[in-house]
């Protein structure tokens, strides 16, 4: 997880203190890459998915294996 980012003017933005501004800045940072991408439509779909997941707090990846219900440590 990324907790902060550094802009060109050396200002720092925190994901915890300013979550919406951080999300917008992250997505806006990818926009210039669309023109250089060999698959711009795919990149736009990925950015839209990233924005959707960020707005609804959905994880990007989900583990495929189940997690055991209870783990005990024996001494």
N, C-alpha and C. Protein backbone atom coordinates (compact mmCIF):
# COMPACT_ATOMS: atom_id res chain seq x y z
N UNK A 1 0.85 -1.18 0.00
CA UNK A 1 0.00 0.00 0.00
C UNK A 1 0.89 1.24 0.00
N UNK A 2 0.49 2.23 -0.74
CA UNK A 2 1.21 3.50 -0.78
C UNK A 2 0.60 4.44 0.24
N UNK A 3 1.43 5.03 1.09
CA UNK A 3 0.95 5.90 2.14
C UNK A 3 1.13 7.39 1.84
N UNK A 4 2.08 7.72 0.98
CA UNK A 4 2.29 9.12 0.62
C UNK A 4 2.95 9.20 -0.75
N UNK A 5 2.90 10.40 -1.32
CA UNK A 5 3.50 10.61 -2.64
C UNK A 5 4.20 11.96 -2.65
N UNK A 6 5.16 12.07 -3.52
CA UNK A 6 5.96 13.29 -3.65
C UNK A 6 5.70 13.90 -5.02
N UNK A 7 5.34 15.20 -5.04
CA UNK A 7 5.11 15.91 -6.29
C UNK A 7 6.42 16.51 -6.80
N UNK A 8 6.38 17.06 -8.02
CA UNK A 8 7.56 17.68 -8.63
C UNK A 8 8.09 18.86 -7.83
N UNK A 9 7.21 19.56 -7.14
CA UNK A 9 7.64 20.73 -6.36
C UNK A 9 8.06 20.34 -4.93
N UNK A 10 8.32 19.06 -4.70
CA UNK A 10 8.76 18.50 -3.41
C UNK A 10 7.71 18.57 -2.31
N UNK A 11 6.46 18.82 -2.65
CA UNK A 11 5.40 18.75 -1.63
C UNK A 11 4.96 17.30 -1.49
N UNK A 12 4.55 16.95 -0.29
CA UNK A 12 4.16 15.57 0.02
C UNK A 12 2.67 15.53 0.30
N UNK A 13 2.00 14.51 -0.23
CA UNK A 13 0.58 14.30 0.03
C UNK A 13 0.42 12.96 0.73
N UNK A 14 -0.37 12.94 1.77
CA UNK A 14 -0.58 11.73 2.57
C UNK A 14 -1.90 11.07 2.19
N UNK A 15 -1.87 9.76 1.99
CA UNK A 15 -3.09 9.02 1.67
C UNK A 15 -4.02 8.95 2.87
N UNK A 16 -3.48 9.01 4.06
CA UNK A 16 -4.31 8.93 5.26
C UNK A 16 -4.97 10.28 5.60
N UNK A 17 -4.26 11.37 5.40
CA UNK A 17 -4.78 12.69 5.77
C UNK A 17 -5.69 13.28 4.69
N UNK A 18 -5.36 13.03 3.42
CA UNK A 18 -6.13 13.58 2.30
C UNK A 18 -6.42 12.47 1.29
N UNK A 19 -7.29 11.51 1.63
CA UNK A 19 -7.49 10.35 0.75
C UNK A 19 -8.05 10.69 -0.62
N UNK A 20 -9.03 11.57 -0.70
CA UNK A 20 -9.62 11.89 -2.01
C UNK A 20 -8.64 12.62 -2.91
N UNK A 21 -7.91 13.56 -2.35
CA UNK A 21 -6.91 14.29 -3.14
C UNK A 21 -5.80 13.34 -3.61
N UNK A 22 -5.43 12.40 -2.75
CA UNK A 22 -4.41 11.42 -3.10
C UNK A 22 -4.87 10.54 -4.27
N UNK A 23 -6.12 10.09 -4.23
CA UNK A 23 -6.66 9.24 -5.30
C UNK A 23 -6.71 10.01 -6.62
N UNK A 24 -7.20 11.24 -6.57
CA UNK A 24 -7.29 12.05 -7.79
C UNK A 24 -5.89 12.31 -8.36
N UNK A 25 -4.94 12.63 -7.50
CA UNK A 25 -3.57 12.89 -7.96
C UNK A 25 -2.94 11.63 -8.55
N UNK A 26 -3.22 10.49 -7.96
CA UNK A 26 -2.68 9.23 -8.48
C UNK A 26 -3.22 8.93 -9.87
N UNK A 27 -4.53 9.05 -10.02
CA UNK A 27 -5.14 8.77 -11.33
C UNK A 27 -4.71 9.81 -12.36
N UNK A 28 -4.64 11.08 -11.96
CA UNK A 28 -4.21 12.14 -12.88
C UNK A 28 -2.76 11.92 -13.33
N UNK A 29 -1.96 11.31 -12.50
CA UNK A 29 -0.58 11.02 -12.87
C UNK A 29 -0.45 10.01 -14.01
N UNK A 30 -1.46 9.17 -14.17
CA UNK A 30 -1.44 8.17 -15.24
C UNK A 30 -1.96 8.71 -16.57
N UNK A 31 -2.69 9.80 -16.55
CA UNK A 31 -3.33 10.32 -17.77
C UNK A 31 -2.34 10.62 -18.89
N UNK A 32 -1.19 11.26 -18.64
CA UNK A 32 -0.25 11.48 -19.75
C UNK A 32 0.28 10.18 -20.37
N UNK A 33 0.29 9.10 -19.61
CA UNK A 33 0.78 7.82 -20.14
C UNK A 33 -0.16 7.22 -21.17
N UNK A 34 -1.42 7.66 -21.20
CA UNK A 34 -2.38 7.13 -22.17
C UNK A 34 -1.91 7.39 -23.60
N UNK A 35 -1.35 8.56 -23.86
CA UNK A 35 -0.91 8.90 -25.22
C UNK A 35 0.27 8.05 -25.67
N UNK A 36 1.05 7.54 -24.75
CA UNK A 36 2.22 6.74 -25.11
C UNK A 36 1.97 5.24 -25.01
N UNK A 37 0.80 4.87 -24.57
CA UNK A 37 0.48 3.46 -24.39
C UNK A 37 0.15 2.80 -25.72
N UNK A 38 0.62 1.57 -25.94
CA UNK A 38 0.24 0.85 -27.16
C UNK A 38 -1.23 0.41 -27.12
N UNK A 39 -1.83 0.35 -25.92
CA UNK A 39 -3.23 -0.03 -25.77
C UNK A 39 -3.95 1.01 -24.91
N UNK A 40 -4.25 2.19 -25.47
CA UNK A 40 -4.86 3.26 -24.67
C UNK A 40 -6.23 2.91 -24.09
N UNK A 41 -7.05 2.16 -24.84
CA UNK A 41 -8.37 1.80 -24.31
C UNK A 41 -8.25 0.90 -23.08
N UNK A 42 -7.33 0.00 -23.12
CA UNK A 42 -7.13 -0.89 -21.97
C UNK A 42 -6.66 -0.08 -20.75
N UNK A 43 -5.78 0.88 -20.98
CA UNK A 43 -5.30 1.71 -19.88
C UNK A 43 -6.42 2.56 -19.30
N UNK A 44 -7.30 3.09 -20.15
CA UNK A 44 -8.43 3.88 -19.69
C UNK A 44 -9.37 3.01 -18.85
N UNK A 45 -9.63 1.79 -19.30
CA UNK A 45 -10.47 0.88 -18.52
C UNK A 45 -9.84 0.57 -17.17
N UNK A 46 -8.53 0.39 -17.15
CA UNK A 46 -7.82 0.09 -15.90
C UNK A 46 -7.90 1.29 -14.95
N UNK A 47 -7.74 2.49 -15.48
CA UNK A 47 -7.86 3.70 -14.65
C UNK A 47 -9.28 3.85 -14.10
N UNK A 48 -10.28 3.57 -14.92
CA UNK A 48 -11.67 3.64 -14.45
C UNK A 48 -11.90 2.62 -13.34
N UNK A 49 -11.35 1.43 -13.50
CA UNK A 49 -11.47 0.40 -12.46
C UNK A 49 -10.76 0.82 -11.19
N UNK A 50 -9.60 1.44 -11.34
CA UNK A 50 -8.85 1.91 -10.18
C UNK A 50 -9.65 2.98 -9.42
N UNK A 51 -10.28 3.88 -10.16
CA UNK A 51 -11.08 4.94 -9.54
C UNK A 51 -12.29 4.34 -8.82
N UNK A 52 -12.95 3.39 -9.47
CA UNK A 52 -14.11 2.73 -8.86
C UNK A 52 -13.72 2.03 -7.56
N UNK A 53 -12.65 1.27 -7.59
CA UNK A 53 -12.20 0.54 -6.40
C UNK A 53 -11.78 1.49 -5.29
N UNK A 54 -11.18 2.61 -5.66
CA UNK A 54 -10.77 3.58 -4.65
C UNK A 54 -11.98 4.26 -4.01
N UNK A 55 -13.00 4.55 -4.81
CA UNK A 55 -14.20 5.21 -4.27
C UNK A 55 -14.96 4.29 -3.33
N UNK A 56 -15.03 3.01 -3.64
CA UNK A 56 -15.82 2.07 -2.84
C UNK A 56 -14.96 1.23 -1.91
N UNK A 57 -13.66 1.54 -1.83
CA UNK A 57 -12.74 0.85 -0.92
C UNK A 57 -12.73 -0.67 -1.15
N UNK A 58 -12.59 -1.05 -2.42
CA UNK A 58 -12.54 -2.45 -2.82
C UNK A 58 -11.07 -2.83 -3.05
N UNK A 59 -10.62 -3.96 -2.54
CA UNK A 59 -9.22 -4.34 -2.78
C UNK A 59 -8.96 -4.63 -4.26
N UNK A 60 -7.75 -4.37 -4.70
CA UNK A 60 -7.39 -4.59 -6.10
C UNK A 60 -7.27 -6.07 -6.42
N UNK A 61 -6.75 -6.83 -5.52
CA UNK A 61 -6.59 -8.28 -5.71
C UNK A 61 -7.22 -9.01 -4.54
N UNK A 62 -7.74 -10.19 -4.82
CA UNK A 62 -8.34 -11.01 -3.77
C UNK A 62 -7.62 -12.34 -3.75
N UNK A 63 -7.30 -12.82 -2.55
CA UNK A 63 -6.62 -14.11 -2.41
C UNK A 63 -7.54 -15.23 -2.89
N UNK A 64 -6.98 -16.18 -3.59
CA UNK A 64 -7.78 -17.27 -4.12
C UNK A 64 -7.91 -18.43 -3.13
N UNK A 65 -6.98 -18.56 -2.21
CA UNK A 65 -7.06 -19.62 -1.22
C UNK A 65 -7.84 -19.14 -0.01
N UNK A 66 -8.54 -20.07 0.62
CA UNK A 66 -9.26 -19.68 1.81
C UNK A 66 -8.30 -19.56 2.98
N UNK A 67 -8.63 -18.68 3.88
CA UNK A 67 -7.81 -18.47 5.07
C UNK A 67 -8.38 -19.33 6.18
N UNK A 68 -7.54 -20.07 6.91
CA UNK A 68 -8.07 -20.92 7.98
C UNK A 68 -8.82 -20.09 9.03
N UNK A 69 -9.90 -20.65 9.54
CA UNK A 69 -10.74 -19.93 10.49
C UNK A 69 -10.06 -19.64 11.81
N UNK A 70 -9.29 -20.59 12.32
CA UNK A 70 -8.67 -20.39 13.62
C UNK A 70 -7.28 -20.98 13.59
N UNK A 71 -6.32 -20.19 14.02
CA UNK A 71 -4.94 -20.65 14.08
C UNK A 71 -4.53 -20.65 15.55
N UNK A 72 -4.06 -21.79 16.01
CA UNK A 72 -3.61 -21.87 17.41
C UNK A 72 -2.13 -22.15 17.45
N UNK A 73 -1.49 -21.61 18.43
CA UNK A 73 -0.06 -21.83 18.62
C UNK A 73 0.13 -22.76 19.82
N UNK A 74 0.88 -23.81 19.61
CA UNK A 74 1.16 -24.74 20.70
C UNK A 74 2.49 -24.37 21.36
N UNK A 75 2.50 -24.43 22.67
CA UNK A 75 3.74 -24.10 23.38
C UNK A 75 4.55 -25.32 23.67
